[in-house]
PDB file of N, CA and C in Angstrom:
ATOM      1  N   UNK A   1     -49.752 -41.765 -31.598  1.00  0.00           N
ATOM      2  CA  UNK A   1     -49.945 -40.631 -33.000  1.00  0.00           C
ATOM      3  C   UNK A   1     -48.652 -39.730 -32.789  1.00  0.00           C
ATOM      4  N   UNK A   2     -47.407 -39.448 -33.079  1.00  0.00           N
ATOM      5  CA  UNK A   2     -46.738 -38.342 -33.081  1.00  0.00           C
ATOM      6  C   UNK A   2     -47.251 -37.117 -33.711  1.00  0.00           C
ATOM      7  N   UNK A   3     -46.037 -36.708 -33.543  1.00  0.00           N
ATOM      8  CA  UNK A   3     -46.140 -35.047 -33.982  1.00  0.00           C
ATOM      9  C   UNK A   3     -45.805 -35.079 -36.118  1.00  0.00           C
ATOM     10  N   UNK A   4     -45.033 -36.364 -36.116  1.00  0.00           N
ATOM     11  CA  UNK A   4     -44.485 -36.402 -37.539  1.00  0.00           C
ATOM     12  C   UNK A   4     -45.278 -37.209 -38.103  1.00  0.00           C
ATOM     13  N   UNK A   5     -45.884 -38.150 -38.029  1.00  0.00           N
ATOM     14  CA  UNK A   5     -47.155 -38.926 -37.716  1.00  0.00           C
ATOM     15  C   UNK A   5     -48.773 -38.372 -38.491  1.00  0.00           C
ATOM     16  N   UNK A   6     -48.845 -37.195 -37.455  1.00  0.00           N
ATOM     17  CA  UNK A   6     -49.971 -36.105 -37.612  1.00  0.00           C
ATOM     18  C   UNK A   6     -50.294 -35.093 -39.201  1.00  0.00           C
ATOM     19  N   UNK A   7     -47.991 -34.574 -38.899  1.00  0.00           N
ATOM     20  CA  UNK A   7     -48.270 -34.122 -39.928  1.00  0.00           C
ATOM     21  C   UNK A   7     -48.082 -34.740 -41.540  1.00  0.00           C
ATOM     22  N   UNK A   8     -47.787 -35.654 -41.485  1.00  0.00           N
ATOM     23  CA  UNK A   8     -47.402 -36.626 -43.200  1.00  0.00           C
ATOM     24  C   UNK A   8     -49.355 -36.794 -42.701  1.00  0.00           C
ATOM     25  N   UNK A   9     -49.752 -37.293 -41.928  1.00  0.00           N
ATOM     26  CA  UNK A   9     -51.222 -37.772 -42.337  1.00  0.00           C
ATOM     27  C   UNK A   9     -51.915 -36.056 -43.065  1.00  0.00           C
ATOM     28  N   UNK A  10     -52.098 -35.153 -42.006  1.00  0.00           N
ATOM     29  CA  UNK A  10     -52.321 -33.807 -42.691  1.00  0.00           C
ATOM     30  C   UNK A  10     -51.837 -33.585 -44.749  1.00  0.00           C
ATOM     31  N   UNK A  11     -50.863 -33.668 -45.010  1.00  0.00           N
ATOM     32  CA  UNK A  11     -49.904 -33.654 -46.116  1.00  0.00           C
ATOM     33  C   UNK A  11     -50.890 -34.826 -46.372  1.00  0.00           C
ATOM     34  N   UNK A  12     -51.176 -35.902 -46.748  1.00  0.00           N
ATOM     35  CA  UNK A  12     -51.418 -37.374 -47.647  1.00  0.00           C
ATOM     36  C   UNK A  12     -53.318 -37.025 -47.257  1.00  0.00           C
ATOM     37  N   UNK A  13     -53.712 -36.852 -46.786  1.00  0.00           N
ATOM     38  CA  UNK A  13     -54.880 -37.266 -46.682  1.00  0.00           C
ATOM     39  C   UNK A  13     -56.124 -36.022 -46.535  1.00  0.00           C
ATOM     40  N   UNK A  14     -54.838 -34.998 -46.405  1.00  0.00           N
ATOM     41  CA  UNK A  14     -56.167 -33.354 -46.179  1.00  0.00           C
ATOM     42  C   UNK A  14     -57.215 -33.310 -47.861  1.00  0.00           C
ATOM     43  N   UNK A  15     -56.612 -33.210 -48.610  1.00  0.00           N
ATOM     44  CA  UNK A  15     -56.864 -32.877 -50.448  1.00  0.00           C
ATOM     45  C   UNK A  15     -57.906 -34.137 -50.102  1.00  0.00           C
ATOM     46  N   UNK A  16     -57.821 -35.665 -50.149  1.00  0.00           N
ATOM     47  CA  UNK A  16     -59.124 -36.194 -50.095  1.00  0.00           C
ATOM     48  C   UNK A  16     -60.074 -36.625 -49.528  1.00  0.00           C
ATOM     49  N   UNK A  17     -59.554 -36.098 -48.249  1.00  0.00           N
ATOM     50  CA  UNK A  17     -60.764 -35.795 -47.288  1.00  0.00           C
ATOM     51  C   UNK A  17     -61.448 -34.553 -47.377  1.00  0.00           C
ATOM     52  N   UNK A  18     -61.075 -33.110 -47.592  1.00  0.00           N
ATOM     53  CA  UNK A  18     -62.104 -32.453 -48.594  1.00  0.00           C
ATOM     54  C   UNK A  18     -62.780 -32.803 -49.795  1.00  0.00           C
ATOM     55  N   UNK A  19     -62.145 -33.838 -50.522  1.00  0.00           N
ATOM     56  CA  UNK A  19     -63.073 -33.693 -51.461  1.00  0.00           C
ATOM     57  C   UNK A  19     -64.474 -34.127 -51.118  1.00  0.00           C
ATOM     58  N   UNK A  20     -63.637 -36.254 -50.626  1.00  0.00           N
ATOM     59  CA  UNK A  20     -65.131 -36.832 -49.885  1.00  0.00           C
ATOM     60  C   UNK A  20     -66.356 -35.635 -48.733  1.00  0.00           C
ATOM     61  N   UNK A  21     -65.549 -35.125 -48.829  1.00  0.00           N
ATOM     62  CA  UNK A  21     -66.810 -33.904 -47.322  1.00  0.00           C
ATOM     63  C   UNK A  21     -67.259 -33.262 -48.758  1.00  0.00           C
ATOM     64  N   UNK A  22     -66.909 -32.796 -49.703  1.00  0.00           N
ATOM     65  CA  UNK A  22     -67.674 -31.989 -50.534  1.00  0.00           C
ATOM     66  C   UNK A  22     -68.334 -32.432 -51.651  1.00  0.00           C
ATOM     67  N   UNK A  23     -67.901 -34.082 -51.444  1.00  0.00           N
ATOM     68  CA  UNK A  23     -68.962 -34.534 -52.730  1.00  0.00           C
ATOM     69  C   UNK A  23     -70.642 -34.738 -51.607  1.00  0.00           C
ATOM     70  N   UNK A  24     -70.019 -35.284 -50.345  1.00  0.00           N
ATOM     71  CA  UNK A  24     -70.920 -35.095 -50.290  1.00  0.00           C
ATOM     72  C   UNK A  24     -72.255 -34.248 -49.780  1.00  0.00           C
ATOM     73  N   UNK A  25     -71.768 -33.070 -48.923  1.00  0.00           N
ATOM     74  CA  UNK A  25     -72.403 -31.765 -49.325  1.00  0.00           C
ATOM     75  C   UNK A  25     -72.227 -30.387 -50.006  1.00  0.00           C
ATOM     76  N   UNK A  26     -71.677 -30.701 -50.851  1.00  0.00           N
ATOM     77  CA  UNK A  26     -71.752 -29.858 -51.779  1.00  0.00           C
ATOM     78  C   UNK A  26     -71.798 -27.958 -51.617  1.00  0.00           C
ATOM     79  N   UNK A  27     -71.144 -28.125 -50.280  1.00  0.00           N
ATOM     80  CA  UNK A  27     -70.719 -26.621 -49.792  1.00  0.00           C
ATOM     81  C   UNK A  27     -69.158 -26.390 -49.828  1.00  0.00           C
ATOM     82  N   UNK A  28     -68.477 -25.797 -50.460  1.00  0.00           N
ATOM     83  CA  UNK A  28     -66.752 -25.683 -50.325  1.00  0.00           C
ATOM     84  C   UNK A  28     -66.488 -24.925 -49.438  1.00  0.00           C
ATOM     85  N   UNK A  29     -67.066 -23.959 -48.795  1.00  0.00           N
ATOM     86  CA  UNK A  29     -66.706 -23.918 -47.329  1.00  0.00           C
ATOM     87  C   UNK A  29     -67.101 -24.419 -45.914  1.00  0.00           C
ATOM     88  N   UNK A  30     -67.959 -24.710 -46.100  1.00  0.00           N
ATOM     89  CA  UNK A  30     -68.843 -25.955 -44.768  1.00  0.00           C
ATOM     90  C   UNK A  30     -67.558 -27.094 -44.790  1.00  0.00           C
ATOM     91  N   UNK A  31     -67.023 -27.591 -45.476  1.00  0.00           N
ATOM     92  CA  UNK A  31     -66.280 -28.835 -46.255  1.00  0.00           C
ATOM     93  C   UNK A  31     -64.969 -28.313 -45.583  1.00  0.00           C
ATOM     94  N   UNK A  32     -64.220 -26.896 -46.297  1.00  0.00           N
ATOM     95  CA  UNK A  32     -63.303 -26.612 -45.011  1.00  0.00           C
ATOM     96  C   UNK A  32     -63.239 -27.096 -43.534  1.00  0.00           C
ATOM     97  N   UNK A  33     -64.486 -26.079 -43.657  1.00  0.00           N
ATOM     98  CA  UNK A  33     -64.333 -26.619 -41.985  1.00  0.00           C
ATOM     99  C   UNK A  33     -64.634 -27.176 -41.144  1.00  0.00           C
ATOM    100  N   UNK A  34     -65.609 -28.355 -42.145  1.00  0.00           N
ATOM    101  CA  UNK A  34     -65.243 -29.680 -40.894  1.00  0.00           C
ATOM    102  C   UNK A  34     -63.919 -30.606 -41.170  1.00  0.00           C
ATOM    103  N   UNK A  35     -62.926 -30.092 -42.249  1.00  0.00           N
ATOM    104  CA  UNK A  35     -62.157 -31.344 -42.520  1.00  0.00           C
ATOM    105  C   UNK A  35     -60.494 -30.255 -41.583  1.00  0.00           C
ATOM    106  N   UNK A  36     -61.217 -28.850 -40.956  1.00  0.00           N
ATOM    107  CA  UNK A  36     -60.034 -28.667 -40.096  1.00  0.00           C
ATOM    108  C   UNK A  36     -60.805 -28.894 -38.685  1.00  0.00           C
ATOM    109  N   UNK A  37     -61.702 -29.149 -38.307  1.00  0.00           N
ATOM    110  CA  UNK A  37     -62.515 -29.311 -37.316  1.00  0.00           C
ATOM    111  C   UNK A  37     -61.914 -30.606 -37.693  1.00  0.00           C
ATOM    112  N   UNK A  38     -62.375 -31.678 -38.244  1.00  0.00           N
ATOM    113  CA  UNK A  38     -61.839 -33.067 -38.399  1.00  0.00           C
ATOM    114  C   UNK A  38     -60.149 -32.860 -37.533  1.00  0.00           C
ATOM    115  N   UNK A  39     -59.446 -32.357 -38.323  1.00  0.00           N
ATOM    116  CA  UNK A  39     -58.100 -32.293 -38.111  1.00  0.00           C
ATOM    117  C   UNK A  39     -57.426 -31.884 -36.557  1.00  0.00           C
ATOM    118  N   UNK A  40     -58.393 -30.991 -36.163  1.00  0.00           N
ATOM    119  CA  UNK A  40     -58.108 -30.154 -34.738  1.00  0.00           C
ATOM    120  C   UNK A  40     -58.858 -31.455 -33.933  1.00  0.00           C
ATOM    121  N   UNK A  41     -59.267 -31.809 -33.983  1.00  0.00           N
ATOM    122  CA  UNK A  41     -60.282 -33.161 -33.196  1.00  0.00           C
ATOM    123  C   UNK A  41     -58.711 -34.100 -32.754  1.00  0.00           C
ATOM    124  N   UNK A  42     -58.708 -34.384 -34.020  1.00  0.00           N
ATOM    125  CA  UNK A  42     -57.452 -35.743 -34.221  1.00  0.00           C
ATOM    126  C   UNK A  42     -56.167 -35.339 -33.290  1.00  0.00           C
ATOM    127  N   UNK A  43     -56.112 -33.903 -33.621  1.00  0.00           N
ATOM    128  CA  UNK A  43     -54.344 -33.671 -32.539  1.00  0.00           C
ATOM    129  C   UNK A  43     -54.607 -33.758 -31.290  1.00  0.00           C
ATOM    130  N   UNK A  44     -56.067 -32.943 -31.141  1.00  0.00           N
ATOM    131  CA  UNK A  44     -56.485 -33.246 -29.766  1.00  0.00           C
ATOM    132  C   UNK A  44     -56.467 -34.419 -28.631  1.00  0.00           C
ATOM    133  N   UNK A  45     -56.019 -35.802 -29.847  1.00  0.00           N
ATOM    134  CA  UNK A  45     -56.594 -36.463 -29.250  1.00  0.00           C
ATOM    135  C   UNK A  45     -55.348 -37.232 -29.458  1.00  0.00           C
ATOM    136  N   UNK A  46     -54.267 -36.996 -30.425  1.00  0.00           N
ATOM    137  CA  UNK A  46     -53.204 -37.177 -31.159  1.00  0.00           C
ATOM    138  C   UNK A  46     -52.708 -38.786 -29.966  1.00  0.00           C
ATOM    139  N   UNK A  47     -52.306 -38.380 -28.916  1.00  0.00           N
ATOM    140  CA  UNK A  47     -51.427 -39.711 -28.452  1.00  0.00           C
ATOM    141  C   UNK A  47     -52.234 -40.666 -27.483  1.00  0.00           C
ATOM    142  N   UNK A  48     -54.190 -40.850 -28.195  1.00  0.00           N
ATOM    143  CA  UNK A  48     -54.124 -41.376 -27.710  1.00  0.00           C
ATOM    144  C   UNK A  48     -55.001 -42.623 -28.850  1.00  0.00           C
ATOM    145  N   UNK A  49     -54.451 -42.058 -29.908  1.00  0.00           N
ATOM    146  CA  UNK A  49     -54.949 -42.625 -31.928  1.00  0.00           C
ATOM    147  C   UNK A  49     -53.385 -43.691 -32.133  1.00  0.00           C
ATOM    148  N   UNK A  50     -53.622 -44.318 -32.476  1.00  0.00           N
ATOM    149  CA  UNK A  50     -52.254 -45.274 -33.119  1.00  0.00           C
ATOM    150  C   UNK A  50     -52.102 -44.559 -34.431  1.00  0.00           C
ATOM    151  N   UNK A  51     -50.998 -44.446 -34.936  1.00  0.00           N
ATOM    152  CA  UNK A  51     -51.329 -44.185 -36.158  1.00  0.00           C
ATOM    153  C   UNK A  51     -52.166 -44.999 -37.560  1.00  0.00           C
ATOM    154  N   UNK A  52     -51.885 -46.466 -37.243  1.00  0.00           N
ATOM    155  CA  UNK A  52     -52.630 -47.111 -38.947  1.00  0.00           C
ATOM    156  C   UNK A  52     -53.579 -47.078 -38.426  1.00  0.00           C
ATOM    157  N   UNK A  53     -54.151 -46.042 -37.679  1.00  0.00           N
ATOM    158  CA  UNK A  53     -56.200 -46.259 -37.504  1.00  0.00           C
ATOM    159  C   UNK A  53     -56.198 -44.810 -37.518  1.00  0.00           C
ATOM    160  N   UNK A  54     -55.270 -43.729 -38.029  1.00  0.00           N
ATOM    161  CA  UNK A  54     -55.374 -42.397 -38.036  1.00  0.00           C
ATOM    162  C   UNK A  54     -56.336 -42.259 -39.704  1.00  0.00           C
ATOM    163  N   UNK A  55     -56.109 -42.562 -40.388  1.00  0.00           N
ATOM    164  CA  UNK A  55     -56.800 -42.500 -41.581  1.00  0.00           C
ATOM    165  C   UNK A  55     -58.922 -42.887 -41.643  1.00  0.00           C
ATOM    166  N   UNK A  56     -58.767 -44.270 -40.819  1.00  0.00           N
ATOM    167  CA  UNK A  56     -59.939 -44.049 -40.415  1.00  0.00           C
ATOM    168  C   UNK A  56     -61.167 -43.182 -39.569  1.00  0.00           C
ATOM    169  N   UNK A  57     -59.944 -42.731 -38.461  1.00  0.00           N
ATOM    170  CA  UNK A  57     -59.976 -42.449 -37.537  1.00  0.00           C
ATOM    171  C   UNK A  57     -60.819 -41.052 -38.320  1.00  0.00           C
ATOM    172  N   UNK A  58     -60.135 -40.433 -38.979  1.00  0.00           N
ATOM    173  CA  UNK A  58     -60.361 -39.062 -39.530  1.00  0.00           C
ATOM    174  C   UNK A  58     -61.542 -38.945 -40.831  1.00  0.00           C
ATOM    175  N   UNK A  59     -61.515 -39.845 -41.312  1.00  0.00           N
ATOM    176  CA  UNK A  59     -62.518 -39.457 -42.335  1.00  0.00           C
ATOM    177  C   UNK A  59     -64.378 -40.128 -41.298  1.00  0.00           C
ATOM    178  N   UNK A  60     -64.101 -40.924 -40.336  1.00  0.00           N
ATOM    179  CA  UNK A  60     -65.398 -41.007 -39.369  1.00  0.00           C
ATOM    180  C   UNK A  60     -65.500 -39.700 -38.439  1.00  0.00           C
ATOM    181  N   UNK A  61     -64.779 -39.246 -38.133  1.00  0.00           N
ATOM    182  CA  UNK A  61     -65.299 -37.554 -37.630  1.00  0.00           C
ATOM    183  C   UNK A  61     -65.222 -36.865 -38.752  1.00  0.00           C
ATOM    184  N   UNK A  62     -64.575 -36.637 -39.941  1.00  0.00           N
ATOM    185  CA  UNK A  62     -65.692 -35.738 -40.542  1.00  0.00           C
ATOM    186  C   UNK A  62     -67.009 -36.009 -41.136  1.00  0.00           C
ATOM    187  N   UNK A  63     -67.382 -37.488 -41.080  1.00  0.00           N
ATOM    188  CA  UNK A  63     -68.211 -37.675 -41.862  1.00  0.00           C
ATOM    189  C   UNK A  63     -69.807 -37.688 -41.041  1.00  0.00           C
ATOM    190  N   UNK A  64     -69.286 -37.822 -39.749  1.00  0.00           N
ATOM    191  CA  UNK A  64     -70.374 -37.865 -38.653  1.00  0.00           C
ATOM    192  C   UNK A  64     -69.942 -36.346 -37.950  1.00  0.00           C
TER     193      UNK A  64
END
């Protein structure tokens, strides 16, 4: 995954990921933190992750 693909993923998935986490934990601040942490982990591993699998990866990371 390159920088452009990462940025596109953030733009397309951040809101949906936030709503997914918020639905499960019902705490806005914690949901924001979880989303931010998940995207940070993705960035740290972005060279190892293929772009087509990044959406699944980010949702799984945030859920756990």
